[in-house]
Amino acid sequence: MDRIAAALERMSPAPMPAPDFDIASAFVWHVEPDRLEPVPQVSRVGLGLLVGIDRARDTLLDNTRRFAGGYAANNALLWGARGMGKSSLVKAIHAEVLQDHPGLKLVELQREDLPSVSRLLNHLRAAPYRFLLFCDDLSFSHDDQHYKSLKAVLDGGIEGRPENVAFYATSNRRHLMPRDMIENERSSAINPSEAVEEKVSLSDRFGLWLGFHPCTQDEYLAMIDRYCAEYGVAADPETLRAEAIEWQATRGARSGRVAWQFFTDLAGRHRVSLT
C-alpha cells in the first residue's frame, strides 16, 4: 500500500503551497513538482556597464518603471544578435527598478516549462506583488506546440493576463521561429498565409520589440574600457586595444559577451578578482 501511495503521489502530486515571496526578489519556476525556487543572489551586471544599447535600455527601463508603479505597461520581446546583452539588460533593469519598488519580483520560466504557465500564473495572480515573468532564449521549432501555452501569458484567455504580471522574453529570432521554416511552410501549404500566421503572429502580441544588433569596433572597445574602469584594471591603452582586437579576431565576432570574455582574461592576468 505504501508503494502504491508513493506512486500515486508521483503521478498526481499535491498542489504547491502558496509561495513565500518575501524571502527573495527573484525566483525560478520548476515543475515535477511545481515550485518556485528563490534565488538569493542573481547573476547580473550593473546597468551602467551595458554599452551600445542605449535606446533599448531607456525604453525597457521606462516600461518597467511604469509597470512597477502600477501603471499600464507592455510585454517586451528583446530579439537580435547573440551576446549583445538581451538577458543581461532584463536582469540589470530589474535590479535598478527594485531600488524604488521593492515589491517587484523577477520570475524566470524555462521554455520547456511553458505548458505549466497557467499554474504559475494562478500563484502570481493571487500575490500582492508585481512580477516580471522572464523567459530567456525563446524560440520554436517546426513541430513545437509550446507556443500555444505562451498565449496564456500574452493574451490570458477569458481571464486575461494578470494585471500584476508582465512578460519579458529574449530571442535570437524576431518572429521566434527560423526564417527558412517560415518560407518552407509558405511554399508547401495549401493556404500559405494561414500556414504560418498563427506562429508568426505570436511575436505581434508583444507590445515592445527591441532589436539588438552587432556592435561596432568602437563600441566593443568602449565596453572593455568601461569594465576596466569599473573593476580598477590598469593597462596600457595601446596594448589593451591591440589585444582586444586580436581577441575578437580569433573568435570571428564582436559582441558584449566577447568583450566580457576578453576582460575576464585580462583581469585574471592582472590578478584582479571580479567577485
Protein backbone atom coordinates (compact mmCIF):
# COMPACT_ATOMS: atom_id res chain seq x y z
CA MET A 1 0.00 0.00 0.00
CA ASP A 2 2.85 2.38 0.80
CA ARG A 3 4.39 1.77 -2.64
CA ILE A 4 1.04 2.37 -4.35
CA ALA A 5 0.53 5.58 -2.38
CA ALA A 6 4.02 6.79 -3.31
CA ALA A 7 3.37 6.01 -6.99
CA LEU A 8 0.08 7.91 -6.94
CA GLU A 9 1.80 10.84 -5.27
CA ARG A 10 4.37 10.98 -8.08
CA MET A 11 1.64 10.79 -10.73
CA SER A 12 -0.53 13.43 -9.12
CA PRO A 13 1.50 15.48 -6.62
CA ALA A 14 -0.20 17.65 -4.05
CA PRO A 15 -0.82 21.27 -5.09
CA MET A 16 2.06 23.64 -4.40
CA PRO A 17 1.54 25.65 -1.21
CA ALA A 18 1.33 29.42 -1.50
CA PRO A 19 4.88 30.71 -2.14
CA ASP A 20 6.60 32.98 0.34
CA PHE A 21 7.57 35.87 -1.93
CA ASP A 22 9.04 37.84 0.96
CA ILE A 23 12.19 35.70 1.12
CA ALA A 24 13.72 36.86 -2.18
CA SER A 25 13.36 39.29 -5.07
CA ALA A 26 13.91 36.64 -7.75
CA PHE A 27 12.65 33.10 -8.30
CA VAL A 28 12.96 30.26 -10.80
CA TRP A 29 9.88 28.21 -11.71
CA HIS A 30 10.33 24.42 -11.72
CA VAL A 31 7.88 21.61 -12.42
CA GLU A 32 7.54 17.97 -11.29
CA PRO A 33 6.75 19.04 -8.67
CA ASP A 34 5.65 22.62 -9.18
CA ARG A 35 7.69 25.00 -7.09
CA LEU A 36 9.20 28.48 -7.08
CA GLU A 37 12.84 28.32 -6.01
CA PRO A 38 14.16 31.57 -4.50
CA VAL A 39 17.41 32.95 -5.95
CA PRO A 40 19.47 34.51 -3.12
CA GLN A 41 21.98 36.15 -5.49
CA VAL A 42 21.05 36.94 -9.09
CA SER A 43 23.88 36.68 -11.61
CA ARG A 44 23.90 40.09 -13.29
CA VAL A 45 25.94 43.15 -14.20
CA GLY A 46 25.18 46.75 -13.39
CA LEU A 47 23.04 48.75 -15.80
CA GLY A 48 25.87 51.26 -16.29
CA LEU A 49 28.14 48.54 -17.69
CA LEU A 50 25.87 47.82 -20.66
CA VAL A 51 27.28 49.82 -23.57
CA GLY A 52 25.89 50.33 -27.07
CA ILE A 53 22.23 49.52 -26.31
CA ASP A 54 21.10 52.90 -25.00
CA ARG A 55 17.78 53.08 -26.87
CA ALA A 56 16.69 49.59 -25.80
CA ARG A 57 17.85 50.31 -22.25
CA ASP A 58 15.89 53.54 -21.92
CA THR A 59 12.73 52.10 -23.50
CA LEU A 60 12.67 48.97 -21.34
CA LEU A 61 13.60 50.89 -18.20
CA ASP A 62 10.69 53.31 -18.69
CA ASN A 63 8.27 50.44 -19.40
CA THR A 64 9.43 48.57 -16.27
CA ARG A 65 9.17 51.61 -14.03
CA ARG A 66 5.61 52.21 -15.19
CA PHE A 67 4.72 48.58 -14.59
CA ALA A 68 6.32 48.53 -11.13
CA GLY A 69 4.40 51.70 -10.26
CA GLY A 70 1.09 50.05 -11.09
CA TYR A 71 0.55 51.75 -14.45
CA ALA A 72 -0.03 50.40 -17.94
CA ALA A 73 2.95 48.61 -19.50
CA ASN A 74 3.67 46.26 -22.38
CA ASN A 75 5.09 42.78 -22.67
CA ALA A 76 8.53 43.02 -24.30
CA LEU A 77 10.45 40.91 -26.83
CA LEU A 78 14.20 41.54 -26.92
CA TRP A 79 15.48 40.00 -30.15
CA GLY A 80 18.64 40.07 -32.24
CA ALA A 81 22.35 39.36 -32.23
CA ARG A 82 23.85 36.85 -29.81
CA GLY A 83 25.84 38.13 -26.87
CA MET A 84 24.62 41.74 -27.08
CA GLY A 85 23.15 41.89 -23.58
CA LYS A 86 19.48 40.99 -24.01
CA SER A 87 19.15 38.86 -20.88
CA SER A 88 21.70 41.00 -19.02
CA LEU A 89 19.54 44.05 -19.68
CA VAL A 90 16.42 42.43 -18.21
CA LYS A 91 18.25 41.43 -15.04
CA ALA A 92 20.02 44.78 -14.72
CA ILE A 93 16.78 46.74 -15.15
CA HIS A 94 15.08 44.61 -12.51
CA ALA A 95 17.87 45.49 -10.07
CA GLU A 96 17.63 49.19 -10.98
CA VAL A 97 13.85 49.45 -10.56
CA LEU A 98 13.90 47.28 -7.44
CA GLN A 99 15.61 50.09 -5.54
CA ASP A 100 12.46 52.24 -5.70
CA HIS A 101 9.91 49.42 -5.96
CA PRO A 102 10.86 46.59 -3.56
CA GLY A 103 7.67 44.71 -4.44
CA LEU A 104 8.89 43.98 -7.98
CA LYS A 105 9.79 40.28 -8.34
CA LEU A 106 11.65 38.57 -11.18
CA VAL A 107 10.45 35.04 -12.05
CA GLU A 108 12.39 33.03 -14.63
CA LEU A 109 10.49 30.47 -16.69
CA GLN A 110 12.23 27.93 -18.94
CA ARG A 111 10.85 27.49 -22.46
CA GLU A 112 10.37 23.77 -21.81
CA ASP A 113 8.06 24.60 -18.89
CA LEU A 114 5.66 26.82 -20.86
CA PRO A 115 2.87 24.19 -20.72
CA SER A 116 2.75 24.76 -16.95
CA VAL A 117 2.45 28.52 -17.21
CA SER A 118 -1.26 28.64 -16.34
CA ARG A 119 -0.49 27.04 -12.95
CA LEU A 120 2.27 29.55 -12.36
CA LEU A 121 0.03 32.48 -13.26
CA ASN A 122 -2.54 31.33 -10.70
CA HIS A 123 0.07 31.73 -7.97
CA LEU A 124 1.28 35.09 -9.25
CA ARG A 125 -2.23 36.48 -9.76
CA ALA A 126 -3.07 35.95 -6.10
CA ALA A 127 0.06 37.61 -4.70
CA PRO A 128 0.26 41.29 -3.68
CA TYR A 129 3.38 41.93 -5.77
CA ARG A 130 4.34 42.90 -9.31
CA PHE A 131 6.07 40.20 -11.36
CA LEU A 132 8.38 40.29 -14.35
CA LEU A 133 7.98 36.85 -15.89
CA PHE A 134 11.22 36.25 -17.81
CA CYS A 135 11.90 33.61 -20.48
CA ASP A 136 15.42 33.58 -21.94
CA ASP A 137 16.29 32.33 -25.43
CA LEU A 138 12.72 31.78 -26.53
CA SER A 139 12.18 30.14 -29.94
CA PHE A 140 10.07 27.42 -31.53
CA SER A 141 10.75 24.63 -33.99
CA HIS A 142 8.50 23.25 -36.73
CA ASP A 143 6.53 20.79 -34.60
CA ASP A 144 6.79 22.68 -31.32
CA GLN A 145 3.41 23.26 -29.66
CA HIS A 146 4.75 25.20 -26.68
CA TYR A 147 3.88 28.47 -28.38
CA LYS A 148 0.21 27.78 -27.67
CA SER A 149 0.93 27.87 -23.95
CA LEU A 150 2.65 31.22 -24.33
CA LYS A 151 -0.62 32.78 -25.45
CA ALA A 152 -1.87 32.29 -21.89
CA VAL A 153 0.76 34.79 -20.78
CA LEU A 154 0.33 37.26 -23.62
CA ASP A 155 -3.46 37.14 -24.03
CA GLY A 156 -4.65 35.31 -20.93
CA GLY A 157 -7.78 33.71 -22.45
CA ILE A 158 -11.09 34.77 -20.94
CA GLU A 159 -9.43 35.58 -17.61
CA GLY A 160 -6.98 37.96 -19.23
CA ARG A 161 -3.32 38.33 -18.35
CA PRO A 162 -2.90 39.01 -14.63
CA GLU A 163 -2.68 42.74 -14.05
CA ASN A 164 0.38 42.24 -11.86
CA VAL A 165 2.39 40.23 -14.43
CA ALA A 166 4.45 41.47 -17.38
CA PHE A 167 6.24 39.06 -19.71
CA TYR A 168 9.78 39.75 -20.97
CA ALA A 169 11.38 37.33 -23.44
CA THR A 170 14.69 37.24 -25.31
CA SER A 171 15.27 35.53 -28.63
CA ASN A 172 17.77 35.50 -31.47
CA ARG A 173 14.77 35.46 -33.84
CA ARG A 174 12.39 38.33 -34.45
CA HIS A 175 9.45 36.02 -35.16
CA LEU A 176 10.53 33.31 -32.66
CA MET A 177 10.98 30.76 -35.48
CA PRO A 178 13.68 30.28 -38.17
CA ARG A 179 13.20 32.18 -41.42
CA ASP A 180 13.71 29.02 -43.52
CA MET A 181 10.91 27.34 -41.57
CA ILE A 182 8.57 30.24 -42.40
CA GLU A 183 9.44 30.02 -46.08
CA ASN A 184 9.07 26.22 -46.16
CA GLU A 185 5.59 26.36 -44.64
CA ARG A 186 4.53 29.09 -47.06
CA SER A 187 5.72 27.12 -50.08
CA SER A 188 4.20 23.76 -49.09
CA ALA A 189 0.89 24.78 -47.55
CA ILE A 190 -2.50 24.75 -49.30
CA ASN A 191 -3.13 28.21 -47.90
CA PRO A 192 0.36 29.75 -47.50
CA SER A 193 -0.71 32.80 -45.50
CA GLU A 194 -2.62 30.77 -42.90
CA ALA A 195 0.15 28.18 -42.57
CA VAL A 196 2.45 30.48 -40.63
CA GLU A 197 0.11 33.20 -39.40
CA GLU A 198 -0.57 31.55 -36.05
CA LYS A 199 3.10 31.18 -35.12
CA VAL A 200 4.40 34.40 -36.65
CA SER A 201 1.59 36.44 -35.11
CA LEU A 202 2.80 35.34 -31.67
CA SER A 203 5.57 37.94 -31.79
CA ASP A 204 2.95 40.56 -32.69
CA ARG A 205 1.41 40.05 -29.27
CA PHE A 206 4.43 41.73 -27.66
CA GLY A 207 3.81 45.45 -27.31
CA LEU A 208 7.55 46.22 -27.31
CA TRP A 209 10.00 44.90 -29.91
CA LEU A 210 13.55 45.86 -29.02
CA GLY A 211 16.20 44.96 -31.59
CA PHE A 212 19.84 44.21 -30.70
CA HIS A 213 22.42 44.39 -33.46
CA PRO A 214 26.14 43.51 -33.71
CA CYS A 215 28.32 46.19 -32.17
CA THR A 216 30.95 48.25 -33.93
CA GLN A 217 34.63 48.00 -33.06
CA ASP A 218 34.44 51.32 -31.21
CA GLU A 219 31.51 50.05 -29.11
CA TYR A 220 33.36 46.80 -28.44
CA LEU A 221 36.41 48.69 -27.19
CA ALA A 222 34.22 51.05 -25.17
CA MET A 223 32.70 48.05 -23.36
CA ILE A 224 36.17 46.87 -22.35
CA ASP A 225 37.18 50.35 -21.22
CA ARG A 226 34.04 50.54 -19.07
CA TYR A 227 34.86 47.18 -17.45
CA CYS A 228 38.43 48.28 -16.76
CA ALA A 229 37.23 51.47 -15.09
CA GLU A 230 34.60 49.64 -13.03
CA TYR A 231 36.95 46.96 -11.71
CA GLY A 232 40.12 49.04 -11.46
CA VAL A 233 42.18 47.22 -14.08
CA ALA A 234 45.02 49.47 -15.28
CA ALA A 235 46.54 48.60 -18.67
CA ASP A 236 48.46 50.43 -21.37
CA PRO A 237 45.83 51.79 -23.80
CA GLU A 238 47.67 50.79 -26.98
CA THR A 239 48.45 47.31 -25.70
CA LEU A 240 44.88 46.91 -24.47
CA ARG A 241 43.46 47.94 -27.84
CA ALA A 242 45.74 45.58 -29.78
CA GLU A 243 44.99 42.62 -27.51
CA ALA A 244 41.24 43.28 -27.57
CA ILE A 245 41.16 43.42 -31.38
CA GLU A 246 43.23 40.25 -31.64
CA TRP A 247 40.88 38.51 -29.18
CA GLN A 248 37.76 39.30 -31.20
CA ALA A 249 39.51 38.40 -34.46
CA THR A 250 40.26 34.89 -33.20
CA ARG A 251 36.55 34.43 -32.44
CA GLY A 252 35.27 35.91 -35.67
CA ALA A 253 32.75 38.15 -33.94
CA ARG A 254 32.32 41.23 -31.78
CA SER A 255 29.73 41.39 -29.03
CA GLY A 256 29.24 42.27 -25.40
CA ARG A 257 29.84 38.64 -24.50
CA VAL A 258 33.17 38.56 -26.36
CA ALA A 259 34.16 41.84 -24.66
CA TRP A 260 33.40 40.35 -21.23
CA GLN A 261 35.34 37.17 -22.04
CA PHE A 262 38.38 39.24 -23.05
CA PHE A 263 38.08 41.35 -19.91
CA THR A 264 37.80 38.25 -17.73
CA ASP A 265 41.09 37.01 -19.21
CA LEU A 266 42.64 40.46 -18.77
CA ALA A 267 41.52 40.74 -15.13
CA GLY A 268 42.90 37.28 -14.41
CA ARG A 269 46.28 38.23 -15.84
CA HIS A 270 46.28 41.36 -13.68
CA ARG A 271 45.26 39.30 -10.62
CA VAL A 272 42.01 41.23 -10.20
CA SER A 273 39.01 39.44 -8.70
CA LEU A 274 35.60 40.02 -10.31
CA THR A 275 33.56 38.81 -7.33
